[in-house]
């Protein structure tokens, strides 16, 4: 296996860095836009008197950065060429997202909003894989040109990791002679609802609690009667754009779904697999930034007349973090490389355990690296004049969202012990052998002595 990055990707990283220096950093520095990234960042980003939503000025700045990136051909790098992108692979995106996050905070890459000059946009690939030709003709162009902005409604007030137990229901109902669906339920953490044009609503249309089949993904206009934002939930890292949304007798036409009726959970899995591997890469990059800044500071700081870095109490925790970062990078890149070599639907069956390994360990590593950076930097590390508290607060959410650590470890265990995945045949063979042995023992125990 060749561990060198492809020359084409290395050249692209240089091109990307040059674009950031020429176009994005000047934009960040003008009109005191640095206030959104220095110690004032949380205060300046948040409209505290408007439900804690992002300030208009902050979102306008992000929009302008994305426009410049799109014009330069970077924003859609990971999109298929058939949809106006550059066909960037999962491997490419993993390398790029680590590269950007390792630079620290900046307008080029601010993951609090999933903002980046190289867009993530998992909806695009998800739509490409699952939309019918009719759905693509109806929604494809709107999704590609940004006039269709969707929320993701899977989690509910009483159901998070147990998504197949969701209480949101959709039943068929004709209205004014037209076939359609009546939707009732509530969804949590509907990120971006304040600017969304449409809501992706996962609802049970058949089956019973716990069934993977029978869930359908509906896409309905955000201004449909019955759709209501109940509250915006304030979070560890502000501003917030994460509301609880209710769907009270929302009627949608028959064709208001993506994919197929009863098979919507596959869309959700597609979304989280893409997000998990890319979030893992971003968390790795942020961890590397924290490690590097800590090493640099420890060599510069000289308490008691000698470098702080001479102390093993400083060295060893950073050695462990650096070692974990090196190992995680290999796993992330190998997993992304494997994802690129199998059909989209096959990832869930054969590789989702490795995706989960990358994600839960990457997110945990980032939090540990940020915490260690605060400790190494002392009082200044705890202050908002350093970015570590922001990195910690943001990446701490990833240990819960897109599947909590515990759920992802559960997925790994299911693969490891043959509940699902390639080891299933081994598990079946062991279970059958045990059953046969047990039956033989029971038969002998029932034989009466002569």
Protein backbone atom coordinates (compact mmCIF):
# COMPACT_ATOMS: atom_id res chain seq x y z
CA UNK A 1 0.00 0.00 0.00
CA UNK A 2 1.28 3.47 -0.95
CA UNK A 3 0.95 5.87 1.98
CA UNK A 4 1.96 8.95 -0.04
CA UNK A 5 -0.88 11.29 -0.94
CA UNK A 6 -1.68 11.40 -4.67
CA UNK A 7 0.20 14.21 -6.42
CA UNK A 8 -3.10 15.62 -7.66
CA UNK A 9 -4.40 15.95 -4.10
CA UNK A 10 -1.15 17.49 -2.84
CA UNK A 11 -1.35 20.05 -5.63
CA UNK A 12 -4.96 20.78 -4.74
CA UNK A 13 -4.10 21.43 -1.08
CA UNK A 14 -1.52 23.99 -2.24
CA UNK A 15 -4.11 25.56 -4.55
CA UNK A 16 -6.59 25.69 -1.67
CA UNK A 17 -4.09 27.32 0.70
CA UNK A 18 -3.25 29.96 -1.91
CA UNK A 19 -6.95 30.74 -2.38
CA UNK A 20 -7.46 31.09 1.39
CA UNK A 21 -4.55 33.52 1.69
CA UNK A 22 -5.61 35.57 -1.34
CA UNK A 23 -9.40 35.66 -0.89
CA UNK A 24 -10.57 34.45 2.50
CA UNK A 25 -8.11 35.89 5.01
CA UNK A 26 -8.42 39.46 3.65
CA UNK A 27 -12.21 39.11 4.00
CA UNK A 28 -11.79 37.91 7.58
CA UNK A 29 -9.56 40.85 8.46
CA UNK A 30 -11.69 43.59 6.91
CA UNK A 31 -14.41 45.54 8.77
CA UNK A 32 -13.34 43.95 12.07
CA UNK A 33 -14.66 40.56 10.95
CA UNK A 34 -11.96 39.12 13.21
CA UNK A 35 -14.43 39.72 16.04
CA UNK A 36 -16.19 36.54 14.97
CA UNK A 37 -13.04 34.50 15.60
CA UNK A 38 -11.14 36.12 18.50
CA UNK A 39 -12.15 36.24 22.17
CA UNK A 40 -15.40 38.04 21.22
CA UNK A 41 -16.60 35.24 18.94
CA UNK A 42 -19.50 33.78 20.93
CA UNK A 43 -20.86 37.20 21.87
CA UNK A 44 -20.56 38.61 18.33
CA UNK A 45 -22.03 35.57 16.60
CA UNK A 46 -25.11 35.34 18.81
CA UNK A 47 -28.30 37.42 18.69
CA UNK A 48 -29.01 36.98 22.39
CA UNK A 49 -32.25 38.97 22.18
CA UNK A 50 -33.63 36.89 19.31
CA UNK A 51 -33.75 33.42 20.78
CA UNK A 52 -29.99 32.96 20.63
CA UNK A 53 -30.04 32.64 16.83
CA UNK A 54 -26.97 33.46 14.72
CA UNK A 55 -26.62 37.16 13.95
CA UNK A 56 -27.40 38.22 10.41
CA UNK A 57 -23.93 39.77 10.01
CA UNK A 58 -22.25 36.51 10.98
CA UNK A 59 -24.26 34.40 8.54
CA UNK A 60 -23.82 36.99 5.79
CA UNK A 61 -20.04 36.73 6.21
CA UNK A 62 -20.18 32.94 5.91
CA UNK A 63 -22.34 33.26 2.81
CA UNK A 64 -19.86 35.62 1.17
CA UNK A 65 -16.98 33.25 1.92
CA UNK A 66 -18.89 30.34 0.37
CA UNK A 67 -19.70 32.42 -2.71
CA UNK A 68 -16.03 33.20 -3.23
CA UNK A 69 -15.10 29.55 -2.71
CA UNK A 70 -17.78 28.43 -5.16
CA UNK A 71 -16.65 30.93 -7.78
CA UNK A 72 -13.08 29.64 -7.43
CA UNK A 73 -14.26 26.03 -7.82
CA UNK A 74 -13.61 24.86 -4.25
CA UNK A 75 -16.96 24.77 -2.52
CA UNK A 76 -18.37 21.89 -4.59
CA UNK A 77 -15.14 19.92 -4.70
CA UNK A 78 -16.76 16.84 -3.17
CA UNK A 79 -19.84 16.90 -5.41
CA UNK A 80 -20.15 14.52 -8.38
CA UNK A 81 -19.02 16.05 -11.67
CA UNK A 82 -22.51 15.38 -13.05
CA UNK A 83 -23.84 17.79 -10.40
CA UNK A 84 -21.34 20.57 -11.00
CA UNK A 85 -18.61 19.36 -8.65
CA UNK A 86 -15.05 18.10 -9.05
CA UNK A 87 -15.73 14.50 -8.08
CA UNK A 88 -13.74 14.60 -4.85
CA UNK A 89 -13.64 11.20 -3.16
CA UNK A 90 -14.28 10.34 0.48
CA UNK A 91 -10.51 9.94 0.81
CA UNK A 92 -9.96 13.41 -0.66
CA UNK A 93 -12.52 14.93 1.67
CA UNK A 94 -10.99 13.25 4.73
CA UNK A 95 -7.55 14.65 3.89
CA UNK A 96 -8.93 18.11 3.09
CA UNK A 97 -11.04 18.38 6.23
CA UNK A 98 -8.13 17.37 8.45
CA UNK A 99 -5.91 19.85 6.63
CA UNK A 100 -8.32 22.74 7.15
CA UNK A 101 -9.17 21.94 10.78
CA UNK A 102 -5.47 21.68 11.66
CA UNK A 103 -5.13 25.39 10.82
CA UNK A 104 -7.31 26.38 13.79
CA UNK A 105 -10.18 28.86 13.76
CA UNK A 106 -10.87 31.01 10.74
CA UNK A 107 -13.34 32.00 8.07
CA UNK A 108 -11.94 29.27 5.83
CA UNK A 109 -13.32 26.55 8.10
CA UNK A 110 -15.67 27.04 11.05
CA UNK A 111 -17.32 23.79 12.00
CA UNK A 112 -19.75 25.29 14.49
CA UNK A 113 -21.92 25.89 11.43
CA UNK A 114 -20.46 23.07 9.31
CA UNK A 115 -19.04 25.97 7.29
CA UNK A 116 -16.03 25.41 5.07
CA UNK A 117 -14.64 26.72 1.80
CA UNK A 118 -14.81 23.05 0.75
CA UNK A 119 -18.42 22.17 1.49
CA UNK A 120 -19.52 19.02 3.26
CA UNK A 121 -23.06 18.83 1.78
CA UNK A 122 -23.96 15.20 2.54
CA UNK A 123 -27.47 15.87 1.22
CA UNK A 124 -26.12 16.09 -2.33
CA UNK A 125 -24.59 12.59 -2.42
CA UNK A 126 -27.52 11.19 -0.45
CA UNK A 127 -29.96 12.63 -2.98
CA UNK A 128 -27.91 11.37 -5.92
CA UNK A 129 -27.90 7.82 -4.53
CA UNK A 130 -31.53 7.52 -3.49
CA UNK A 131 -33.69 9.92 -5.52
CA UNK A 132 -35.86 8.50 -8.27
CA UNK A 133 -35.54 10.07 -11.74
CA UNK A 134 -38.79 11.93 -11.11
CA UNK A 135 -37.57 13.25 -7.75
CA UNK A 136 -34.25 14.28 -9.27
CA UNK A 137 -36.05 16.18 -12.03
CA UNK A 138 -38.22 17.91 -9.45
CA UNK A 139 -35.64 18.82 -6.78
CA UNK A 140 -32.15 18.27 -8.22
CA UNK A 141 -31.50 21.72 -9.61
CA UNK A 142 -32.91 23.47 -6.55
CA UNK A 143 -30.65 21.44 -4.29
CA UNK A 144 -27.59 22.13 -6.43
CA UNK A 145 -28.08 25.88 -6.77
CA UNK A 146 -28.84 26.37 -3.08
CA UNK A 147 -32.43 27.52 -3.44
CA UNK A 148 -33.51 24.37 -1.58
CA UNK A 149 -32.13 24.29 1.97
CA UNK A 150 -33.24 21.38 4.11
CA UNK A 151 -33.33 20.50 7.78
CA UNK A 152 -32.82 16.93 8.96
CA UNK A 153 -35.65 15.66 11.17
CA UNK A 154 -34.88 12.24 12.62
CA UNK A 155 -34.39 12.69 16.39
CA UNK A 156 -37.47 13.25 18.58
CA UNK A 157 -38.03 14.50 22.14
CA UNK A 158 -38.38 10.92 23.42
CA UNK A 159 -36.32 9.09 20.80
CA UNK A 160 -32.74 9.76 19.78
CA UNK A 161 -30.51 6.74 19.27
CA UNK A 162 -33.61 4.52 19.15
CA UNK A 163 -34.75 6.09 15.89
CA UNK A 164 -36.77 3.05 14.81
CA UNK A 165 -39.07 3.70 17.77
CA UNK A 166 -39.98 7.17 16.49
CA UNK A 167 -43.49 8.36 17.25
CA UNK A 168 -43.94 10.60 14.20
CA UNK A 169 -46.53 9.01 11.93
CA UNK A 170 -47.67 9.57 8.36
CA UNK A 171 -50.88 8.06 7.03
CA UNK A 172 -52.39 8.27 3.59
CA UNK A 173 -55.11 10.88 3.22
CA UNK A 174 -56.73 12.34 0.13
CA UNK A 175 -57.44 16.05 0.09
CA UNK A 176 -59.45 17.90 -2.57
CA UNK A 177 -59.33 14.76 -4.67
CA UNK A 178 -55.54 14.52 -4.50
CA UNK A 179 -53.67 11.65 -2.82
CA UNK A 180 -51.29 12.57 -0.04
CA UNK A 181 -50.05 12.04 3.49
CA UNK A 182 -51.06 13.42 6.88
CA UNK A 183 -48.05 13.83 9.19
CA UNK A 184 -48.10 14.19 12.96
CA UNK A 185 -45.16 14.32 15.35
CA UNK A 186 -42.24 16.33 16.74
CA UNK A 187 -38.57 16.53 15.83
CA UNK A 188 -35.60 17.79 17.85
CA UNK A 189 -32.43 19.53 16.74
CA UNK A 190 -33.76 20.57 13.32
CA UNK A 191 -30.59 22.47 12.54
CA UNK A 192 -30.89 25.46 10.23
CA UNK A 193 -34.65 25.73 10.48
CA UNK A 194 -34.49 29.54 10.61
CA UNK A 195 -33.23 29.64 7.01
CA UNK A 196 -34.58 26.31 5.67
CA UNK A 197 -36.91 26.17 2.70
CA UNK A 198 -37.78 22.51 3.31
CA UNK A 199 -37.85 19.98 6.15
CA UNK A 200 -36.74 16.38 5.84
CA UNK A 201 -39.15 14.54 8.14
CA UNK A 202 -38.68 10.86 8.89
CA UNK A 203 -41.99 9.25 9.80
CA UNK A 204 -43.28 5.73 10.27
CA UNK A 205 -45.68 4.78 7.49
CA UNK A 206 -45.93 1.04 8.23
CA UNK A 207 -44.59 -1.66 10.53
CA UNK A 208 -44.09 -1.56 14.27
CA UNK A 209 -41.68 0.00 16.75
CA UNK A 210 -38.17 -1.29 16.21
CA UNK A 211 -38.64 -2.20 12.54
CA UNK A 212 -35.99 -0.77 10.23
CA UNK A 213 -38.46 -0.96 7.34
CA UNK A 214 -41.60 1.12 7.27
CA UNK A 215 -39.95 4.52 7.79
CA UNK A 216 -40.30 7.10 5.02
CA UNK A 217 -38.35 10.32 4.44
CA UNK A 218 -40.69 13.18 3.53
CA UNK A 219 -39.49 16.52 2.17
CA UNK A 220 -42.01 19.29 2.76
CA UNK A 221 -41.85 23.09 2.47
CA UNK A 222 -40.95 24.70 5.78
CA UNK A 223 -43.90 27.06 5.52
CA UNK A 224 -46.48 24.27 5.16
CA UNK A 225 -49.46 24.83 7.50
CA UNK A 226 -48.97 22.86 10.70
CA UNK A 227 -45.16 23.14 10.75
CA UNK A 228 -44.20 25.11 13.85
CA UNK A 229 -40.95 25.99 15.62
CA UNK A 230 -41.71 25.38 19.29
CA UNK A 231 -38.40 26.60 20.74
CA UNK A 232 -34.73 27.12 19.95
CA UNK A 233 -32.60 25.12 22.35
CA UNK A 234 -29.61 26.96 23.79
CA UNK A 235 -26.46 24.86 23.74
CA UNK A 236 -22.97 24.54 25.20
CA UNK A 237 -21.65 26.40 22.14
CA UNK A 238 -23.72 29.39 21.04
CA UNK A 239 -25.33 30.66 18.83
CA UNK A 240 -28.05 28.09 18.31
CA UNK A 241 -30.02 27.16 15.22
CA UNK A 242 -31.32 23.91 16.68
CA UNK A 243 -35.08 24.03 17.34
CA UNK A 244 -37.77 21.60 18.37
CA UNK A 245 -40.30 21.53 15.54
CA UNK A 246 -43.85 20.17 15.71
CA UNK A 247 -45.84 18.78 12.78
CA UNK A 248 -49.52 19.16 13.58
CA UNK A 249 -51.72 17.57 10.90
CA UNK A 250 -49.33 18.55 8.14
CA UNK A 251 -50.66 17.47 4.77
CA UNK A 252 -48.22 16.70 1.97
CA UNK A 253 -48.89 15.53 -1.61
CA UNK A 254 -48.31 11.88 -2.49
CA UNK A 255 -44.88 12.48 -4.09
CA UNK A 256 -43.47 14.48 -1.15
CA UNK A 257 -40.84 11.93 -0.23
CA UNK A 258 -37.27 11.08 -1.22
CA UNK A 259 -36.27 7.56 -2.11
CA UNK A 260 -38.99 4.97 -1.61
CA UNK A 261 -41.91 4.61 0.76
CA UNK A 262 -40.90 2.51 3.77
CA UNK A 263 -37.17 2.63 2.98
CA UNK A 264 -36.27 6.04 4.33
CA UNK A 265 -33.89 4.80 6.99
CA UNK A 266 -31.35 4.08 4.26
CA UNK A 267 -31.20 7.81 3.52
CA UNK A 268 -30.51 8.50 7.17
CA UNK A 269 -27.71 5.94 7.21
CA UNK A 270 -26.21 7.48 4.08
CA UNK A 271 -26.22 10.88 5.74
CA UNK A 272 -24.55 9.75 8.95
CA UNK A 273 -21.88 7.61 7.26
CA UNK A 274 -20.70 10.55 5.19
CA UNK A 275 -20.87 12.90 8.15
CA UNK A 276 -19.17 10.49 10.55
CA UNK A 277 -16.05 9.91 8.46
CA UNK A 278 -15.72 13.61 7.65
CA UNK A 279 -16.35 14.71 11.22
CA UNK A 280 -13.72 12.23 12.32
CA UNK A 281 -11.23 13.88 9.96
CA UNK A 282 -12.18 17.34 11.21
CA UNK A 283 -11.85 16.26 14.83
CA UNK A 284 -8.45 14.78 14.03
CA UNK A 285 -7.36 18.05 12.44
CA UNK A 286 -8.55 20.10 15.42
CA UNK A 287 -6.76 17.70 17.76
CA UNK A 288 -3.54 18.07 15.77
CA UNK A 289 -3.88 21.85 16.02
CA UNK A 290 -4.24 21.64 19.82
CA UNK A 291 -1.25 19.29 20.09
CA UNK A 292 0.99 21.44 17.88
CA UNK A 293 0.08 24.66 19.68
CA UNK A 294 0.78 23.00 23.04
CA UNK A 295 4.20 21.76 21.90
CA UNK A 296 5.09 25.19 20.55
CA UNK A 297 3.99 26.97 23.73
CA UNK A 298 5.78 24.45 25.99
CA UNK A 299 9.06 25.12 24.17
CA UNK A 300 8.61 28.90 24.39
CA UNK A 301 7.39 29.15 28.00
CA UNK A 302 10.24 29.16 30.54
CA UNK A 303 9.10 28.90 34.16
CA UNK A 304 11.87 28.54 36.74
CA UNK A 305 14.37 29.49 34.05
CA UNK A 306 13.96 26.45 31.79
CA UNK A 307 11.58 25.42 28.98
CA UNK A 308 8.27 24.05 30.15
CA UNK A 309 8.78 21.28 27.61
CA UNK A 310 11.66 19.85 29.67
CA UNK A 311 9.14 18.47 32.15
CA UNK A 312 7.96 14.91 31.60
CA UNK A 313 4.58 15.89 33.07
CA UNK A 314 4.19 18.08 29.97
CA UNK A 315 5.85 15.72 27.49
CA UNK A 316 4.12 12.42 28.17
CA UNK A 317 0.44 13.43 27.83
CA UNK A 318 1.30 15.15 24.53
CA UNK A 319 3.27 12.09 23.40
CA UNK A 320 0.21 9.91 23.95
CA UNK A 321 -2.07 12.33 22.09
CA UNK A 322 0.38 12.62 19.18
CA UNK A 323 0.63 8.82 18.97
CA UNK A 324 -3.14 8.43 18.92
CA UNK A 325 -3.42 11.10 16.22
CA UNK A 326 -0.94 9.25 13.99
CA UNK A 327 -2.81 5.95 14.37
CA UNK A 328 -6.23 7.56 13.87
CA UNK A 329 -5.10 9.25 10.66
CA UNK A 330 -4.23 5.88 9.15
CA UNK A 331 -7.58 4.36 10.12
CA UNK A 332 -9.56 7.33 8.79
CA UNK A 333 -7.76 7.37 5.45
CA UNK A 334 -7.95 3.60 5.04
CA UNK A 335 -11.68 3.61 5.84
CA UNK A 336 -12.39 6.52 3.48
CA UNK A 337 -10.34 4.73 0.78
CA UNK A 338 -12.43 1.58 1.29
CA UNK A 339 -15.68 3.60 1.14
CA UNK A 340 -14.64 4.85 -2.28
CA UNK A 341 -14.29 1.26 -3.50
CA UNK A 342 -17.71 -0.10 -2.73
CA UNK A 343 -21.30 0.77 -3.64
CA UNK A 344 -22.91 3.32 -1.35
CA UNK A 345 -25.39 0.87 0.18
CA UNK A 346 -22.65 -1.67 0.89
CA UNK A 347 -20.94 0.64 3.41
CA UNK A 348 -23.64 -0.02 6.03
CA UNK A 349 -23.29 -3.80 5.67
CA UNK A 350 -19.51 -4.13 5.55
CA UNK A 351 -17.77 -0.99 6.78
CA UNK A 352 -19.96 0.95 9.20
CA UNK A 353 -18.05 -0.46 12.19
CA UNK A 354 -14.82 1.13 10.91
CA UNK A 355 -16.65 4.42 10.25
CA UNK A 356 -17.91 4.33 13.83
CA UNK A 357 -14.42 3.58 15.16
CA UNK A 358 -13.03 6.62 13.34
CA UNK A 359 -15.79 8.90 14.49
CA UNK A 360 -16.14 8.10 18.16
CA UNK A 361 -12.38 7.97 18.71
CA UNK A 362 -11.71 11.11 16.68
CA UNK A 363 -14.27 13.14 18.59
CA UNK A 364 -12.99 11.89 21.94
CA UNK A 365 -9.37 12.55 20.94
CA UNK A 366 -10.20 16.13 19.98
CA UNK A 367 -11.82 16.83 23.35
CA UNK A 368 -8.84 15.32 25.18
CA UNK A 369 -6.38 17.34 23.08
CA UNK A 370 -8.28 20.59 23.64
CA UNK A 371 -8.45 19.91 27.37
CA UNK A 372 -4.71 19.17 27.48
CA UNK A 373 -3.99 22.34 25.50
CA UNK A 374 -5.88 24.37 28.10
CA UNK A 375 -3.82 22.74 30.83
CA UNK A 376 -0.49 23.31 29.10
CA UNK A 377 -1.34 26.96 28.39
CA UNK A 378 -2.44 27.56 31.97
CA UNK A 379 -4.64 30.56 32.66
CA UNK A 380 -4.49 31.80 29.08
CA UNK A 381 -5.58 28.37 27.89
CA UNK A 382 -8.71 28.68 29.98
CA UNK A 383 -9.43 32.17 28.62
CA UNK A 384 -11.26 32.90 25.41
CA UNK A 385 -8.16 34.58 24.05
CA UNK A 386 -7.05 31.10 23.02
CA UNK A 387 -9.28 28.93 20.79
CA UNK A 388 -9.11 25.76 22.86
CA UNK A 389 -12.26 26.31 24.90
CA UNK A 390 -14.19 26.95 21.67
CA UNK A 391 -12.78 23.79 20.07
CA UNK A 392 -13.68 21.78 23.14
CA UNK A 393 -17.22 23.14 23.38
CA UNK A 394 -17.89 22.59 19.70
CA UNK A 395 -16.40 19.12 19.30
CA UNK A 396 -17.95 17.91 22.53
CA UNK A 397 -21.27 17.87 20.70
CA UNK A 398 -19.95 15.34 18.20
CA UNK A 399 -19.64 12.78 20.97
CA UNK A 400 -23.46 12.85 21.00
CA UNK A 401 -24.71 13.90 17.56
CA UNK A 402 -24.77 11.65 14.48
CA UNK A 403 -24.81 8.71 16.90
CA UNK A 404 -23.48 8.90 20.46
CA UNK A 405 -20.20 7.24 21.43
CA UNK A 406 -22.13 4.45 23.10
CA UNK A 407 -24.26 3.74 20.03
CA UNK A 408 -21.21 3.70 17.78
CA UNK A 409 -19.35 1.38 20.15
CA UNK A 410 -22.45 -0.80 20.12
CA UNK A 411 -22.22 -0.92 16.32
CA UNK A 412 -18.57 -1.95 16.52
CA UNK A 413 -19.44 -4.66 19.05
CA UNK A 414 -22.22 -5.96 16.79
CA UNK A 415 -19.69 -6.40 13.97
CA UNK A 416 -17.02 -7.79 16.26
CA UNK A 417 -19.26 -10.45 17.81
CA UNK A 418 -21.15 -11.39 14.66
CA UNK A 419 -24.56 -9.87 15.26
CA UNK A 420 -24.18 -8.16 11.87
CA UNK A 421 -21.47 -7.82 9.23
CA UNK A 422 -18.83 -10.26 7.94
CA UNK A 423 -18.54 -12.18 11.25
CA UNK A 424 -22.20 -13.13 11.13
CA UNK A 425 -21.44 -16.48 9.46
CA UNK A 426 -18.89 -17.29 12.17
CA UNK A 427 -21.41 -16.39 14.87
CA UNK A 428 -24.05 -18.59 13.23
CA UNK A 429 -21.63 -21.53 13.02
CA UNK A 430 -20.67 -21.17 16.70
CA UNK A 431 -24.32 -20.91 17.75
CA UNK A 432 -25.24 -24.00 15.70
CA UNK A 433 -22.34 -26.01 17.14
CA UNK A 434 -23.33 -24.99 20.66
CA UNK A 435 -26.97 -25.93 20.01
CA UNK A 436 -25.96 -29.35 18.67
CA UNK A 437 -23.68 -30.02 21.64
CA UNK A 438 -26.38 -28.92 24.05
CA UNK A 439 -28.98 -31.14 22.37
CA UNK A 440 -26.65 -34.15 22.59
CA UNK A 441 -26.06 -33.51 26.31
CA UNK A 442 -29.78 -33.17 26.95
CA UNK A 443 -30.46 -36.44 25.08
CA UNK A 444 -27.89 -38.30 27.17
CA UNK A 445 -29.29 -36.85 30.37
CA UNK A 446 -32.76 -38.25 29.50
CA UNK A 447 -31.52 -41.81 28.99
CA UNK A 448 -32.45 -44.02 31.95
CA UNK A 449 -29.80 -46.37 33.39
CA UNK A 450 -30.40 -50.10 32.74
